[in-house]
Amino acid sequence: MKSCLLCLAIVIASFFCPVVLAQQASLEECRKLQLKIERYDELRSNGGSGPQMDAWKRSRRALEKQFRTGGCRYYRWELK
């Protein structure tokens, strides 16, 4: 019974982790993420081989996901 309750607590906690992470990103961390995203935009606008462009797009999307889950949209006016 105790192990079942422990498993249930872990599952419930895993759903709330993104909420906790969303409140942890600082303005400086969000600026760094934004600069990295802009760098990938610049690389892709300059062109490259197909596989390289796809790799840059995947990296950019991963950074965008960190930006969203980190709560950086809260700082959107300071980041402009």
PDB file of N, CA and C in Angstrom:
ATOM      1  N   MET A   1       0.825  -1.195   0.000  1.00  0.00           N
ATOM      2  CA  MET A   1       0.000   0.000   0.000  1.00  0.00           C
ATOM      3  C   MET A   1       0.866   1.254   0.000  1.00  0.00           C
ATOM      4  N   LYS A   2       1.923   1.244   0.841  1.00  0.00           N
ATOM      5  CA  LYS A   2       2.782   2.420   0.908  1.00  0.00           C
ATOM      6  C   LYS A   2       3.510   2.649  -0.413  1.00  0.00           C
ATOM      7  N   SER A   3       3.950   1.567  -1.053  1.00  0.00           N
ATOM      8  CA  SER A   3       4.647   1.722  -2.330  1.00  0.00           C
ATOM      9  C   SER A   3       3.701   2.248  -3.403  1.00  0.00           C
ATOM     10  N   CYS A   4       2.446   1.862  -3.343  1.00  0.00           N
ATOM     11  CA  CYS A   4       1.450   2.359  -4.295  1.00  0.00           C
ATOM     12  C   CYS A   4       1.225   3.860  -4.096  1.00  0.00           C
ATOM     13  N   LEU A   5       1.151   4.278  -2.846  1.00  0.00           N
ATOM     14  CA  LEU A   5       0.986   5.700  -2.552  1.00  0.00           C
ATOM     15  C   LEU A   5       2.210   6.499  -2.979  1.00  0.00           C
ATOM     16  N   LEU A   6       3.388   5.920  -2.800  1.00  0.00           N
ATOM     17  CA  LEU A   6       4.617   6.578  -3.218  1.00  0.00           C
ATOM     18  C   LEU A   6       4.633   6.761  -4.726  1.00  0.00           C
ATOM     19  N   CYS A   7       4.248   5.720  -5.459  1.00  0.00           N
ATOM     20  CA  CYS A   7       4.187   5.813  -6.925  1.00  0.00           C
ATOM     21  C   CYS A   7       3.185   6.877  -7.358  1.00  0.00           C
ATOM     22  N   LEU A   8       2.050   6.926  -6.706  1.00  0.00           N
ATOM     23  CA  LEU A   8       1.040   7.920  -7.024  1.00  0.00           C
ATOM     24  C   LEU A   8       1.564   9.327  -6.751  1.00  0.00           C
ATOM     25  N   ALA A   9       2.271   9.501  -5.655  1.00  0.00           N
ATOM     26  CA  ALA A   9       2.840  10.812  -5.332  1.00  0.00           C
ATOM     27  C   ALA A   9       3.870  11.228  -6.369  1.00  0.00           C
ATOM     28  N   ILE A  10       4.676  10.295  -6.843  1.00  0.00           N
ATOM     29  CA  ILE A  10       5.678  10.619  -7.866  1.00  0.00           C
ATOM     30  C   ILE A  10       5.011  11.026  -9.172  1.00  0.00           C
ATOM     31  N   VAL A  11       3.969  10.314  -9.554  1.00  0.00           N
ATOM     32  CA  VAL A  11       3.250  10.643 -10.786  1.00  0.00           C
ATOM     33  C   VAL A  11       2.613  12.027 -10.679  1.00  0.00           C
ATOM     34  N   ILE A  12       1.998  12.308  -9.571  1.00  0.00           N
ATOM     35  CA  ILE A  12       1.363  13.618  -9.381  1.00  0.00           C
ATOM     36  C   ILE A  12       2.419  14.724  -9.376  1.00  0.00           C
ATOM     37  N   ALA A  13       3.531  14.492  -8.718  1.00  0.00           N
ATOM     38  CA  ALA A  13       4.594  15.495  -8.672  1.00  0.00           C
ATOM     39  C   ALA A  13       5.170  15.756 -10.051  1.00  0.00           C
ATOM     40  N   SER A  14       5.239  14.734 -10.899  1.00  0.00           N
ATOM     41  CA  SER A  14       5.794  14.926 -12.238  1.00  0.00           C
ATOM     42  C   SER A  14       4.920  15.850 -13.080  1.00  0.00           C
ATOM     43  N   PHE A  15       3.631  15.884 -12.816  1.00  0.00           N
ATOM     44  CA  PHE A  15       2.750  16.788 -13.541  1.00  0.00           C
ATOM     45  C   PHE A  15       2.952  18.240 -13.116  1.00  0.00           C
ATOM     46  N   PHE A  16       3.384  18.458 -11.897  1.00  0.00           N
ATOM     47  CA  PHE A  16       3.548  19.803 -11.400  1.00  0.00           C
ATOM     48  C   PHE A  16       4.963  20.343 -11.583  1.00  0.00           C
ATOM     49  N   CYS A  17       5.897  19.527 -12.016  1.00  0.00           N
ATOM     50  CA  CYS A  17       7.273  19.985 -12.226  1.00  0.00           C
ATOM     51  C   CYS A  17       7.377  21.128 -13.231  1.00  0.00           C
ATOM     52  N   PRO A  18       6.695  21.066 -14.395  1.00  0.00           N
ATOM     53  CA  PRO A  18       6.802  22.192 -15.322  1.00  0.00           C
ATOM     54  C   PRO A  18       6.334  23.511 -14.715  1.00  0.00           C
ATOM     55  N   VAL A  19       5.347  23.450 -13.830  1.00  0.00           N
ATOM     56  CA  VAL A  19       4.863  24.664 -13.184  1.00  0.00           C
ATOM     57  C   VAL A  19       5.950  25.248 -12.294  1.00  0.00           C
ATOM     58  N   VAL A  20       6.639  24.403 -11.560  1.00  0.00           N
ATOM     59  CA  VAL A  20       7.722  24.868 -10.702  1.00  0.00           C
ATOM     60  C   VAL A  20       8.859  25.416 -11.538  1.00  0.00           C
ATOM     61  N   LEU A  21       9.223  24.712 -12.615  1.00  0.00           N
ATOM     62  CA  LEU A  21      10.297  25.177 -13.488  1.00  0.00           C
ATOM     63  C   LEU A  21       9.941  26.490 -14.160  1.00  0.00           C
ATOM     64  N   ALA A  22       8.660  26.684 -14.463  1.00  0.00           N
ATOM     65  CA  ALA A  22       8.235  27.901 -15.136  1.00  0.00           C
ATOM     66  C   ALA A  22       8.504  29.130 -14.281  1.00  0.00           C
ATOM     67  N   GLN A  23       8.573  28.963 -12.987  1.00  0.00           N
ATOM     68  CA  GLN A  23       8.781  30.098 -12.106  1.00  0.00           C
ATOM     69  C   GLN A  23      10.253  30.302 -11.761  1.00  0.00           C
ATOM     70  N   GLN A  24      11.142  29.442 -12.257  1.00  0.00           N
ATOM     71  CA  GLN A  24      12.527  29.495 -11.831  1.00  0.00           C
ATOM     72  C   GLN A  24      13.433  30.289 -12.768  1.00  0.00           C
ATOM     73  N   ALA A  25      13.057  30.501 -14.017  1.00  0.00           N
ATOM     74  CA  ALA A  25      13.938  31.186 -14.958  1.00  0.00           C
ATOM     75  C   ALA A  25      14.044  32.670 -14.607  1.00  0.00           C
ATOM     76  N   SER A  26      15.271  33.158 -14.564  1.00  0.00           N
ATOM     77  CA  SER A  26      15.485  34.566 -14.285  1.00  0.00           C
ATOM     78  C   SER A  26      15.497  35.349 -15.591  1.00  0.00           C
ATOM     79  N   LEU A  27      15.454  36.647 -15.488  1.00  0.00           N
ATOM     80  CA  LEU A  27      15.494  37.501 -16.665  1.00  0.00           C
ATOM     81  C   LEU A  27      16.787  37.272 -17.439  1.00  0.00           C
ATOM     82  N   GLU A  28      17.899  37.114 -16.747  1.00  0.00           N
ATOM     83  CA  GLU A  28      19.193  36.895 -17.410  1.00  0.00           C
ATOM     84  C   GLU A  28      19.202  35.565 -18.166  1.00  0.00           C
ATOM     85  N   GLU A  29      18.656  34.517 -17.575  1.00  0.00           N
ATOM     86  CA  GLU A  29      18.578  33.233 -18.262  1.00  0.00           C
ATOM     87  C   GLU A  29      17.713  33.332 -19.513  1.00  0.00           C
ATOM     88  N   CYS A  30      16.631  34.080 -19.411  1.00  0.00           N
ATOM     89  CA  CYS A  30      15.747  34.264 -20.563  1.00  0.00           C
ATOM     90  C   CYS A  30      16.449  35.054 -21.665  1.00  0.00           C
ATOM     91  N   ARG A  31      17.236  36.046 -21.295  1.00  0.00           N
ATOM     92  CA  ARG A  31      17.999  36.801 -22.301  1.00  0.00           C
ATOM     93  C   ARG A  31      18.989  35.901 -23.026  1.00  0.00           C
ATOM     94  N   LYS A  32      19.657  35.023 -22.279  1.00  0.00           N
ATOM     95  CA  LYS A  32      20.609  34.099 -22.897  1.00  0.00           C
ATOM     96  C   LYS A  32      19.901  33.170 -23.870  1.00  0.00           C
ATOM     97  N   LEU A  33      18.743  32.658 -23.476  1.00  0.00           N
ATOM     98  CA  LEU A  33      17.981  31.793 -24.374  1.00  0.00           C
ATOM     99  C   LEU A  33      17.553  32.545 -25.625  1.00  0.00           C
ATOM    100  N   GLN A  34      17.105  33.767 -25.446  1.00  0.00           N
ATOM    101  CA  GLN A  34      16.671  34.560 -26.588  1.00  0.00           C
ATOM    102  C   GLN A  34      17.835  34.825 -27.550  1.00  0.00           C
ATOM    103  N   LEU A  35      19.017  35.116 -27.019  1.00  0.00           N
ATOM    104  CA  LEU A  35      20.181  35.347 -27.874  1.00  0.00           C
ATOM    105  C   LEU A  35      20.567  34.085 -28.638  1.00  0.00           C
ATOM    106  N   LYS A  36      20.471  32.927 -27.985  1.00  0.00           N
ATOM    107  CA  LYS A  36      20.776  31.675 -28.669  1.00  0.00           C
ATOM    108  C   LYS A  36      19.771  31.405 -29.790  1.00  0.00           C
ATOM    109  N   ILE A  37      18.497  31.686 -29.527  1.00  0.00           N
ATOM    110  CA  ILE A  37      17.459  31.506 -30.545  1.00  0.00           C
ATOM    111  C   ILE A  37      17.728  32.419 -31.730  1.00  0.00           C
ATOM    112  N   GLU A  38      18.076  33.678 -31.455  1.00  0.00           N
ATOM    113  CA  GLU A  38      18.372  34.627 -32.526  1.00  0.00           C
ATOM    114  C   GLU A  38      19.609  34.206 -33.317  1.00  0.00           C
ATOM    115  N   ARG A  39      20.570  33.592 -32.640  1.00  0.00           N
ATOM    116  CA  ARG A  39      21.771  33.107 -33.326  1.00  0.00           C
ATOM    117  C   ARG A  39      21.412  32.018 -34.330  1.00  0.00           C
ATOM    118  N   TYR A  40      20.538  31.093 -33.933  1.00  0.00           N
ATOM    119  CA  TYR A  40      20.113  30.050 -34.867  1.00  0.00           C
ATOM    120  C   TYR A  40      19.314  30.643 -36.029  1.00  0.00           C
ATOM    121  N   ASP A  41      18.531  31.695 -35.771  1.00  0.00           N
ATOM    122  CA  ASP A  41      17.829  32.375 -36.861  1.00  0.00           C
ATOM    123  C   ASP A  41      18.837  32.943 -37.864  1.00  0.00           C
ATOM    124  N   GLU A  42      19.893  33.543 -37.339  1.00  0.00           N
ATOM    125  CA  GLU A  42      20.927  34.129 -38.188  1.00  0.00           C
ATOM    126  C   GLU A  42      21.648  33.045 -39.003  1.00  0.00           C
ATOM    127  N   LEU A  43      21.996  31.950 -38.353  1.00  0.00           N
ATOM    128  CA  LEU A  43      22.665  30.852 -39.059  1.00  0.00           C
ATOM    129  C   LEU A  43      21.790  30.318 -40.188  1.00  0.00           C
ATOM    130  N   ARG A  44      20.522  30.124 -39.901  1.00  0.00           N
ATOM    131  CA  ARG A  44      19.626  29.570 -40.919  1.00  0.00           C
ATOM    132  C   ARG A  44      19.382  30.557 -42.048  1.00  0.00           C
ATOM    133  N   SER A  45      19.368  31.850 -41.759  1.00  0.00           N
ATOM    134  CA  SER A  45      19.150  32.820 -42.832  1.00  0.00           C
ATOM    135  C   SER A  45      20.361  32.901 -43.768  1.00  0.00           C
ATOM    136  N   ASN A  46      21.544  32.552 -43.246  1.00  0.00           N
ATOM    137  CA  ASN A  46      22.743  32.547 -44.083  1.00  0.00           C
ATOM    138  C   ASN A  46      22.820  31.288 -44.940  1.00  0.00           C
ATOM    139  N   GLY A  47      22.031  30.290 -44.628  1.00  0.00           N
ATOM    140  CA  GLY A  47      21.983  29.075 -45.422  1.00  0.00           C
ATOM    141  C   GLY A  47      22.982  28.035 -44.974  1.00  0.00           C
ATOM    142  N   GLY A  48      22.900  26.891 -45.602  1.00  0.00           N
ATOM    143  CA  GLY A  48      23.777  25.782 -45.291  1.00  0.00           C
ATOM    144  C   GLY A  48      23.263  24.517 -45.942  1.00  0.00           C
ATOM    145  N   SER A  49      23.903  23.417 -45.667  1.00  0.00           N
ATOM    146  CA  SER A  49      23.448  22.149 -46.232  1.00  0.00           C
ATOM    147  C   SER A  49      22.117  21.748 -45.591  1.00  0.00           C
ATOM    148  N   GLY A  50      21.414  20.865 -46.246  1.00  0.00           N
ATOM    149  CA  GLY A  50      20.120  20.420 -45.733  1.00  0.00           C
ATOM    150  C   GLY A  50      20.191  19.837 -44.333  1.00  0.00           C
ATOM    151  N   PRO A  51      21.109  18.887 -44.109  1.00  0.00           N
ATOM    152  CA  PRO A  51      21.193  18.318 -42.753  1.00  0.00           C
ATOM    153  C   PRO A  51      21.576  19.357 -41.687  1.00  0.00           C
ATOM    154  N   GLN A  52      22.435  20.291 -42.059  1.00  0.00           N
ATOM    155  CA  GLN A  52      22.838  21.315 -41.102  1.00  0.00           C
ATOM    156  C   GLN A  52      21.664  22.237 -40.760  1.00  0.00           C
ATOM    157  N   MET A  53      20.890  22.607 -41.783  1.00  0.00           N
ATOM    158  CA  MET A  53      19.716  23.456 -41.551  1.00  0.00           C
ATOM    159  C   MET A  53      18.712  22.746 -40.641  1.00  0.00           C
ATOM    160  N   ASP A  54      18.517  21.445 -40.860  1.00  0.00           N
ATOM    161  CA  ASP A  54      17.598  20.672 -40.012  1.00  0.00           C
ATOM    162  C   ASP A  54      18.104  20.602 -38.573  1.00  0.00           C
ATOM    163  N   ALA A  55      19.408  20.433 -38.411  1.00  0.00           N
ATOM    164  CA  ALA A  55      19.979  20.384 -37.063  1.00  0.00           C
ATOM    165  C   ALA A  55      19.789  21.721 -36.346  1.00  0.00           C
ATOM    166  N   TRP A  56      19.999  22.811 -37.068  1.00  0.00           N
ATOM    167  CA  TRP A  56      19.800  24.139 -36.469  1.00  0.00           C
ATOM    168  C   TRP A  56      18.336  24.350 -36.093  1.00  0.00           C
ATOM    169  N   LYS A  57      17.431  23.873 -36.942  1.00  0.00           N
ATOM    170  CA  LYS A  57      16.009  24.025 -36.645  1.00  0.00           C
ATOM    171  C   LYS A  57      15.630  23.231 -35.393  1.00  0.00           C
ATOM    172  N   ARG A  58      16.151  22.000 -35.285  1.00  0.00           N
ATOM    173  CA  ARG A  58      15.866  21.194 -34.092  1.00  0.00           C
ATOM    174  C   ARG A  58      16.426  21.857 -32.835  1.00  0.00           C
ATOM    175  N   SER A  59      17.628  22.394 -32.940  1.00  0.00           N
ATOM    176  CA  SER A  59      18.232  23.069 -31.791  1.00  0.00           C
ATOM    177  C   SER A  59      17.432  24.303 -31.399  1.00  0.00           C
ATOM    178  N   ARG A  60      16.990  25.048 -32.392  1.00  0.00           N
ATOM    179  CA  ARG A  60      16.197  26.256 -32.130  1.00  0.00           C
ATOM    180  C   ARG A  60      14.875  25.890 -31.449  1.00  0.00           C
ATOM    181  N   ARG A  61      14.239  24.838 -31.933  1.00  0.00           N
ATOM    182  CA  ARG A  61      12.969  24.418 -31.330  1.00  0.00           C
ATOM    183  C   ARG A  61      13.156  23.953 -29.891  1.00  0.00           C
ATOM    184  N   ALA A  62      14.270  23.300 -29.615  1.00  0.00           N
ATOM    185  CA  ALA A  62      14.557  22.878 -28.241  1.00  0.00           C
ATOM    186  C   ALA A  62      14.742  24.104 -27.342  1.00  0.00           C
ATOM    187  N   LEU A  63      15.415  25.125 -27.856  1.00  0.00           N
ATOM    188  CA  LEU A  63      15.592  26.357 -27.081  1.00  0.00           C
ATOM    189  C   LEU A  63      14.261  27.073 -26.870  1.00  0.00           C
ATOM    190  N   GLU A  64      13.413  27.076 -27.901  1.00  0.00           N
ATOM    191  CA  GLU A  64      12.084  27.685 -27.753  1.00  0.00           C
ATOM    192  C   GLU A  64      11.276  26.974 -26.677  1.00  0.00           C
ATOM    193  N   LYS A  65      11.407  25.661 -26.630  1.00  0.00           N
ATOM    194  CA  LYS A  65      10.685  24.901 -25.609  1.00  0.00           C
ATOM    195  C   LYS A  65      11.189  25.273 -24.220  1.00  0.00           C
ATOM    196  N   GLN A  66      12.505  25.405 -24.058  1.00  0.00           N
ATOM    197  CA  GLN A  66      13.069  25.838 -22.776  1.00  0.00           C
ATOM    198  C   GLN A  66      12.564  27.236 -22.437  1.00  0.00           C
ATOM    199  N   PHE A  67      12.485  28.098 -23.434  1.00  0.00           N
ATOM    200  CA  PHE A  67      12.013  29.466 -23.247  1.00  0.00           C
ATOM    201  C   PHE A  67      10.579  29.459 -22.706  1.00  0.00           C
ATOM    202  N   ARG A  68       9.745  28.639 -23.316  1.00  0.00           N
ATOM    203  CA  ARG A  68       8.339  28.560 -22.877  1.00  0.00           C
ATOM    204  C   ARG A  68       8.212  27.930 -21.501  1.00  0.00           C
ATOM    205  N   THR A  69       8.858  26.782 -21.291  1.00  0.00           N
ATOM    206  CA  THR A  69       8.711  26.088 -20.021  1.00  0.00           C
ATOM    207  C   THR A  69       9.415  26.821 -18.882  1.00  0.00           C
ATOM    208  N   GLY A  70      10.364  27.669 -19.227  1.00  0.00           N
ATOM    209  CA  GLY A  70      11.060  28.439 -18.210  1.00  0.00           C
ATOM    210  C   GLY A  70      10.305  29.680 -17.774  1.00  0.00           C
ATOM    211  N   GLY A  71       9.166  29.933 -18.382  1.00  0.00           N
ATOM    212  CA  GLY A  71       8.365  31.097 -18.000  1.00  0.00           C
ATOM    213  C   GLY A  71       8.907  32.402 -18.537  1.00  0.00           C
ATOM    214  N   CYS A  72       9.658  32.352 -19.616  1.00  0.00           N
ATOM    215  CA  CYS A  72      10.279  33.569 -20.149  1.00  0.00           C
ATOM    216  C   CYS A  72       9.281  34.508 -20.812  1.00  0.00           C
ATOM    217  N   ARG A  73       8.111  34.021 -21.134  1.00  0.00           N
ATOM    218  CA  ARG A  73       7.103  34.912 -21.722  1.00  0.00           C
ATOM    219  C   ARG A  73       6.682  35.990 -20.711  1.00  0.00           C
ATOM    220  N   TYR A  74       6.911  35.725 -19.459  1.00  0.00           N
ATOM    221  CA  TYR A  74       6.627  36.712 -18.424  1.00  0.00           C
ATOM    222  C   TYR A  74       7.481  37.967 -18.623  1.00  0.00           C
ATOM    223  N   TYR A  75       8.694  37.790 -19.150  1.00  0.00           N
ATOM    224  CA  TYR A  75       9.644  38.901 -19.347  1.00  0.00           C
ATOM    225  C   TYR A  75       9.600  39.460 -20.767  1.00  0.00           C
ATOM    226  N   ARG A  76       8.563  39.158 -21.526  1.00  0.00           N
ATOM    227  CA  ARG A  76       8.578  39.505 -22.947  1.00  0.00           C
ATOM    228  C   ARG A  76       8.830  40.987 -23.213  1.00  0.00           C
ATOM    229  N   TRP A  77       8.363  41.862 -22.351  1.00  0.00           N
ATOM    230  CA  TRP A  77       8.550  43.300 -22.611  1.00  0.00           C
ATOM    231  C   TRP A  77       9.991  43.720 -22.303  1.00  0.00           C
ATOM    232  N   GLU A  78      10.621  43.102 -21.342  1.00  0.00           N
ATOM    233  CA  GLU A  78      12.009  43.423 -21.011  1.00  0.00           C
ATOM    234  C   GLU A  78      12.986  42.853 -22.036  1.00  0.00           C
ATOM    235  N   LEU A  79      12.558  41.833 -22.771  1.00  0.00           N
ATOM    236  CA  LEU A  79      13.435  41.164 -23.719  1.00  0.00           C
ATOM    237  C   LEU A  79      13.422  41.812 -25.108  1.00  0.00           C
ATOM    238  N   LYS A  80      12.556  42.766 -25.330  1.00  0.00           N
ATOM    239  CA  LYS A  80      12.501  43.406 -26.662  1.00  0.00           C
ATOM    240  C   LYS A  80      13.610  44.401 -26.837  1.00  0.00           C
TER     241      LYS A  80
END
